[in-house]
Each structure stands twice: as structure tokens, then as C-alpha cells.
Amino acid sequence: MSGIAARAGASKPVVYRRWRSQPELVLVALKRFSVTVEAPDTGSVRTDLMIFLGRILDILELLPDGAVRGLIADTYDDPDLFDDVRTHLAGSRVHEITRTILRRGLERGEVPPREWPARVVRLPIDLLRSEYLLSREPMSAEAVAGIVDDVFLPLVRAT
């Protein structure tokens, strides 16, 4: 909070009046950046997924190292804030974007017609989040491509 106050040209008490804790501040930052994420429409399910996951990763990497990991740990004992974090990090908005990408791919004939269970729709975000949280290194484009090419696309294209 000291660093934030210094960058804002304010005192720590002023920062704490606006946000009661670091986790709350990090969550606000995540929410602010994530509203800019839209469903890409390049004409390719694979490319749309790569762009979408890349944008989510870009948002996560805008935050200081360890901020998201700390956010989860620091909010665990605050049920309301934890629910807000969980809703945001695993919420329906990002899954609706995945569903939109799949629907467009269905319309173009890239994926077979089927009803995708919620767990399948959540899979690319869940895998991205898991790898991001459990790694000490920045995620590579190859890791994102592995999620899309090795896991998600074979699953949704299976008949």
C-alpha cells in the first residue's frame, strides 16, 4: 500500500480510506482491466481462443508478481471478498466469451454441433489459471497453445 500511495502522491491512510485492504485493491484492478476483454472474431476458433487467453494472461501479468496468488490466499478467510474473487476469476463472463467463440465456430463448421457442458466451457480458463498460479515463471505462448491445441480443441471437436 505504501508503493501505491507514493505513486498516487497520497498517504497510506488516504489509500486505505478508498480500499480497506490490498486484496480489495488488487481485485478492483483486475475488474477494471478485465472489462476490456471481448470475444475476438478472426474467423478461426483456434486463433480466437489464443487471442482471448493471451488477453487474460496480459491482464494477470499487468499486476505485480504474486498479486493474484496473494489475492486468493489473503481473501480465503473473508467469505464475501473470497466469493467476489472467485466470481471474478472463475466467473460467468469469461465463460460466456468462450461459449461465444465456440458458437461462432459451430456456425462456421469448425466444431461439431453439441451442447457443451459448463465444465468443458470452463476448461481453457481453468487450465490457464491453474498453470499461471502454480508456476514461478511467466506463461509462454507455447503453454497457451498447448491448452488450446492439446486439450481444448480435441475435446470440443470430438464427436
C-alpha atoms as a PDB file:
ATOM      1  CA  MET A   1       0.000   0.000   0.000  1.00  0.00           C
ATOM      2  CA  SER A   2       2.972   2.306   0.603  1.00  0.00           C
ATOM      3  CA  GLY A   3       4.077   1.959  -3.009  1.00  0.00           C
ATOM      4  CA  ILE A   4       0.569   2.650  -4.274  1.00  0.00           C
ATOM      5  CA  ALA A   5       0.271   5.713  -2.052  1.00  0.00           C
ATOM      6  CA  ALA A   6       3.636   7.010  -3.269  1.00  0.00           C
ATOM      7  CA  ARG A   7       2.715   6.506  -6.937  1.00  0.00           C
ATOM      8  CA  ALA A   8      -0.603   8.268  -6.351  1.00  0.00           C
ATOM      9  CA  GLY A   9       1.037  11.119  -4.457  1.00  0.00           C
ATOM     10  CA  ALA A  10      -1.110  10.364  -1.428  1.00  0.00           C
ATOM     11  CA  SER A  11      -0.663   8.976   2.049  1.00  0.00           C
ATOM     12  CA  LYS A  12      -1.365   5.383   3.096  1.00  0.00           C
ATOM     13  CA  PRO A  13      -4.402   6.457   5.162  1.00  0.00           C
ATOM     14  CA  VAL A  14      -5.902   8.048   2.051  1.00  0.00           C
ATOM     15  CA  VAL A  15      -5.406   4.796   0.120  1.00  0.00           C
ATOM     16  CA  TYR A  16      -6.926   2.767   2.975  1.00  0.00           C
ATOM     17  CA  ARG A  17      -9.980   5.041   3.003  1.00  0.00           C
ATOM     18  CA  ARG A  18     -10.649   4.059  -0.573  1.00  0.00           C
ATOM     19  CA  TRP A  19      -9.689   0.356  -0.307  1.00  0.00           C
ATOM     20  CA  ARG A  20      -9.737  -1.405   3.038  1.00  0.00           C
ATOM     21  CA  SER A  21      -7.033  -3.923   2.104  1.00  0.00           C
ATOM     22  CA  GLN A  22      -4.506  -4.919  -0.533  1.00  0.00           C
ATOM     23  CA  PRO A  23      -6.670  -7.814  -1.717  1.00  0.00           C
ATOM     24  CA  GLU A  24      -9.582  -5.462  -2.301  1.00  0.00           C
ATOM     25  CA  LEU A  25      -7.341  -3.118  -4.275  1.00  0.00           C
ATOM     26  CA  VAL A  26      -5.950  -5.951  -6.418  1.00  0.00           C
ATOM     27  CA  LEU A  27      -9.473  -7.202  -7.116  1.00  0.00           C
ATOM     28  CA  VAL A  28     -10.574  -3.726  -8.192  1.00  0.00           C
ATOM     29  CA  ALA A  29      -7.588  -3.543 -10.556  1.00  0.00           C
ATOM     30  CA  LEU A  30      -8.399  -6.957 -12.031  1.00  0.00           C
ATOM     31  CA  LYS A  31     -12.018  -5.961 -12.568  1.00  0.00           C
ATOM     32  CA  ARG A  32     -11.026  -2.684 -14.185  1.00  0.00           C
ATOM     33  CA  PHE A  33      -8.719  -4.304 -16.700  1.00  0.00           C
ATOM     34  CA  SER A  34     -10.869  -7.345 -17.435  1.00  0.00           C
ATOM     35  CA  VAL A  35     -13.887  -5.379 -18.660  1.00  0.00           C
ATOM     36  CA  THR A  36     -11.804  -4.616 -21.734  1.00  0.00           C
ATOM     37  CA  VAL A  37     -11.733  -8.288 -22.769  1.00  0.00           C
ATOM     38  CA  GLU A  38     -14.134  -9.077 -25.595  1.00  0.00           C
ATOM     39  CA  ALA A  39     -14.673 -12.160 -27.727  1.00  0.00           C
ATOM     40  CA  PRO A  40     -12.290 -11.947 -30.684  1.00  0.00           C
ATOM     41  CA  ASP A  41     -13.750 -12.796 -34.076  1.00  0.00           C
ATOM     42  CA  THR A  42     -10.980 -13.694 -36.500  1.00  0.00           C
ATOM     43  CA  GLY A  43     -12.866 -16.450 -38.294  1.00  0.00           C
ATOM     44  CA  SER A  44     -10.935 -19.206 -36.517  1.00  0.00           C
ATOM     45  CA  VAL A  45     -11.803 -20.868 -33.203  1.00  0.00           C
ATOM     46  CA  ARG A  46      -8.140 -21.579 -32.524  1.00  0.00           C
ATOM     47  CA  THR A  47      -7.000 -18.031 -33.228  1.00  0.00           C
ATOM     48  CA  ASP A  48      -9.891 -16.553 -31.232  1.00  0.00           C
ATOM     49  CA  LEU A  49      -9.030 -18.757 -28.245  1.00  0.00           C
ATOM     50  CA  MET A  50      -5.334 -17.905 -28.477  1.00  0.00           C
ATOM     51  CA  ILE A  51      -6.107 -14.175 -28.553  1.00  0.00           C
ATOM     52  CA  PHE A  52      -8.664 -14.459 -25.741  1.00  0.00           C
ATOM     53  CA  LEU A  53      -6.389 -16.446 -23.426  1.00  0.00           C
ATOM     54  CA  GLY A  54      -3.489 -14.153 -24.310  1.00  0.00           C
ATOM     55  CA  ARG A  55      -5.526 -11.108 -23.281  1.00  0.00           C
ATOM     56  CA  ILE A  56      -6.423 -12.698 -19.952  1.00  0.00           C
ATOM     57  CA  LEU A  57      -2.778 -13.535 -19.387  1.00  0.00           C
ATOM     58  CA  ASP A  58      -1.783  -9.964 -20.281  1.00  0.00           C
ATOM     59  CA  ILE A  59      -4.167  -8.659 -17.603  1.00  0.00           C
ATOM     60  CA  LEU A  60      -2.791 -11.039 -14.983  1.00  0.00           C
ATOM     61  CA  GLU A  61       0.751 -10.009 -15.852  1.00  0.00           C
ATOM     62  CA  LEU A  62      -0.043  -6.296 -15.512  1.00  0.00           C
ATOM     63  CA  LEU A  63      -0.295  -6.857 -11.783  1.00  0.00           C
ATOM     64  CA  PRO A  64       2.754  -7.095  -9.540  1.00  0.00           C
ATOM     65  CA  ASP A  65       4.371 -10.519  -9.307  1.00  0.00           C
ATOM     66  CA  GLY A  66       2.447 -12.701  -6.881  1.00  0.00           C
ATOM     67  CA  ALA A  67      -0.540 -10.335  -6.627  1.00  0.00           C
ATOM     68  CA  VAL A  68      -3.124 -12.836  -7.867  1.00  0.00           C
ATOM     69  CA  ARG A  69      -1.655 -15.665  -5.805  1.00  0.00           C
ATOM     70  CA  GLY A  70      -1.676 -13.401  -2.764  1.00  0.00           C
ATOM     71  CA  LEU A  71      -5.200 -12.264  -3.558  1.00  0.00           C
ATOM     72  CA  ILE A  72      -6.510 -15.808  -3.338  1.00  0.00           C
ATOM     73  CA  ALA A  73      -4.612 -16.583  -0.141  1.00  0.00           C
ATOM     74  CA  ASP A  74      -5.396 -13.254   1.531  1.00  0.00           C
ATOM     75  CA  THR A  75      -9.129 -13.426   0.876  1.00  0.00           C
ATOM     76  CA  TYR A  76      -9.678 -17.032   1.892  1.00  0.00           C
ATOM     77  CA  ASP A  77     -10.728 -16.063   5.427  1.00  0.00           C
ATOM     78  CA  ASP A  78     -13.045 -13.258   4.230  1.00  0.00           C
ATOM     79  CA  PRO A  79     -16.017 -15.158   2.735  1.00  0.00           C
ATOM     80  CA  ASP A  80     -17.565 -12.151   0.963  1.00  0.00           C
ATOM     81  CA  LEU A  81     -14.322 -10.955  -0.600  1.00  0.00           C
ATOM     82  CA  PHE A  82     -13.302 -14.531  -1.455  1.00  0.00           C
ATOM     83  CA  ASP A  83     -16.640 -15.087  -3.221  1.00  0.00           C
ATOM     84  CA  ASP A  84     -16.076 -11.863  -5.144  1.00  0.00           C
ATOM     85  CA  VAL A  85     -12.577 -13.027  -6.155  1.00  0.00           C
ATOM     86  CA  ARG A  86     -13.835 -16.473  -7.136  1.00  0.00           C
ATOM     87  CA  THR A  87     -16.713 -14.997  -9.121  1.00  0.00           C
ATOM     88  CA  HIS A  88     -14.336 -12.704 -10.942  1.00  0.00           C
ATOM     89  CA  LEU A  89     -11.527 -15.182 -11.599  1.00  0.00           C
ATOM     90  CA  ALA A  90     -13.847 -18.047 -12.474  1.00  0.00           C
ATOM     91  CA  GLY A  91     -16.988 -16.109 -13.287  1.00  0.00           C
ATOM     92  CA  SER A  92     -19.529 -16.483 -15.998  1.00  0.00           C
ATOM     93  CA  ARG A  93     -18.375 -13.534 -18.142  1.00  0.00           C
ATOM     94  CA  VAL A  94     -15.164 -15.200 -19.313  1.00  0.00           C
ATOM     95  CA  HIS A  95     -17.010 -18.440 -19.896  1.00  0.00           C
ATOM     96  CA  GLU A  96     -19.624 -16.656 -21.961  1.00  0.00           C
ATOM     97  CA  ILE A  97     -16.795 -15.403 -24.166  1.00  0.00           C
ATOM     98  CA  THR A  98     -15.572 -18.991 -24.590  1.00  0.00           C
ATOM     99  CA  ARG A  99     -19.135 -20.060 -25.383  1.00  0.00           C
ATOM    100  CA  THR A 100     -19.394 -17.238 -27.976  1.00  0.00           C
ATOM    101  CA  ILE A 101     -16.159 -18.392 -29.622  1.00  0.00           C
ATOM    102  CA  LEU A 102     -17.486 -21.966 -29.757  1.00  0.00           C
ATOM    103  CA  ARG A 103     -20.873 -20.841 -31.108  1.00  0.00           C
ATOM    104  CA  ARG A 104     -19.172 -18.904 -33.903  1.00  0.00           C
ATOM    105  CA  GLY A 105     -17.008 -21.946 -34.655  1.00  0.00           C
ATOM    106  CA  LEU A 106     -20.138 -24.081 -34.817  1.00  0.00           C
ATOM    107  CA  GLU A 107     -21.712 -21.641 -37.291  1.00  0.00           C
ATOM    108  CA  ARG A 108     -18.572 -21.915 -39.474  1.00  0.00           C
ATOM    109  CA  GLY A 109     -18.457 -25.712 -39.180  1.00  0.00           C
ATOM    110  CA  GLU A 110     -15.191 -25.786 -37.184  1.00  0.00           C
ATOM    111  CA  VAL A 111     -16.705 -27.664 -34.259  1.00  0.00           C
ATOM    112  CA  PRO A 112     -19.465 -30.271 -34.313  1.00  0.00           C
ATOM    113  CA  PRO A 113     -22.942 -29.412 -33.076  1.00  0.00           C
ATOM    114  CA  ARG A 114     -23.386 -30.341 -29.435  1.00  0.00           C
ATOM    115  CA  GLU A 115     -24.294 -28.948 -26.078  1.00  0.00           C
ATOM    116  CA  TRP A 116     -21.044 -28.244 -24.240  1.00  0.00           C
ATOM    117  CA  PRO A 117     -21.213 -28.912 -20.506  1.00  0.00           C
ATOM    118  CA  ALA A 118     -20.221 -25.983 -18.289  1.00  0.00           C
ATOM    119  CA  ARG A 119     -17.070 -27.840 -17.202  1.00  0.00           C
ATOM    120  CA  VAL A 120     -15.895 -28.075 -20.831  1.00  0.00           C
ATOM    121  CA  VAL A 121     -16.590 -24.386 -21.444  1.00  0.00           C
ATOM    122  CA  ARG A 122     -14.647 -23.503 -18.264  1.00  0.00           C
ATOM    123  CA  LEU A 123     -11.695 -25.696 -19.188  1.00  0.00           C
ATOM    124  CA  PRO A 124      -9.426 -23.235 -21.070  1.00  0.00           C
ATOM    125  CA  ILE A 125      -9.743 -20.573 -18.355  1.00  0.00           C
ATOM    126  CA  ASP A 126      -9.365 -23.148 -15.578  1.00  0.00           C
ATOM    127  CA  LEU A 127      -6.208 -24.562 -17.168  1.00  0.00           C
ATOM    128  CA  LEU A 128      -4.759 -21.102 -17.809  1.00  0.00           C
ATOM    129  CA  ARG A 129      -5.444 -20.029 -14.231  1.00  0.00           C
ATOM    130  CA  SER A 130      -4.037 -23.249 -12.803  1.00  0.00           C
ATOM    131  CA  GLU A 131      -0.812 -23.055 -14.796  1.00  0.00           C
ATOM    132  CA  TYR A 132      -0.465 -19.354 -14.014  1.00  0.00           C
ATOM    133  CA  LEU A 133      -0.967 -19.845 -10.274  1.00  0.00           C
ATOM    134  CA  LEU A 134       1.307 -22.868  -9.990  1.00  0.00           C
ATOM    135  CA  SER A 135       4.227 -21.521 -11.991  1.00  0.00           C
ATOM    136  CA  ARG A 136       7.005 -19.227 -10.896  1.00  0.00           C
ATOM    137  CA  GLU A 137       7.767 -18.304 -14.499  1.00  0.00           C
ATOM    138  CA  PRO A 138       5.675 -16.221 -16.894  1.00  0.00           C
ATOM    139  CA  MET A 139       3.447 -18.362 -19.081  1.00  0.00           C
ATOM    140  CA  SER A 140       4.685 -18.736 -22.619  1.00  0.00           C
ATOM    141  CA  ALA A 141       2.727 -18.591 -25.839  1.00  0.00           C
ATOM    142  CA  GLU A 142       3.604 -22.273 -26.215  1.00  0.00           C
ATOM    143  CA  ALA A 143       1.858 -23.082 -22.922  1.00  0.00           C
ATOM    144  CA  VAL A 144      -1.262 -21.238 -24.082  1.00  0.00           C
ATOM    145  CA  ALA A 145      -1.087 -23.062 -27.428  1.00  0.00           C
ATOM    146  CA  GLY A 146      -0.837 -26.363 -25.540  1.00  0.00           C
ATOM    147  CA  ILE A 147      -4.045 -25.599 -23.656  1.00  0.00           C
ATOM    148  CA  VAL A 148      -5.817 -24.807 -26.915  1.00  0.00           C
ATOM    149  CA  ASP A 149      -4.266 -27.392 -29.259  1.00  0.00           C
ATOM    150  CA  ASP A 150      -3.556 -30.345 -26.988  1.00  0.00           C
ATOM    151  CA  VAL A 151      -6.557 -30.241 -24.665  1.00  0.00           C
ATOM    152  CA  PHE A 152      -9.437 -27.947 -25.522  1.00  0.00           C
ATOM    153  CA  LEU A 153      -9.833 -28.200 -29.287  1.00  0.00           C
ATOM    154  CA  PRO A 154      -9.508 -32.014 -29.390  1.00  0.00           C
ATOM    155  CA  LEU A 155     -12.147 -32.205 -26.672  1.00  0.00           C
ATOM    156  CA  VAL A 156     -14.699 -29.922 -28.334  1.00  0.00           C
ATOM    157  CA  ARG A 157     -14.099 -31.417 -31.775  1.00  0.00           C
ATOM    158  CA  ALA A 158     -14.578 -34.990 -30.552  1.00  0.00           C
ATOM    159  CA  THR A 159     -17.849 -36.485 -31.706  1.00  0.00           C
END
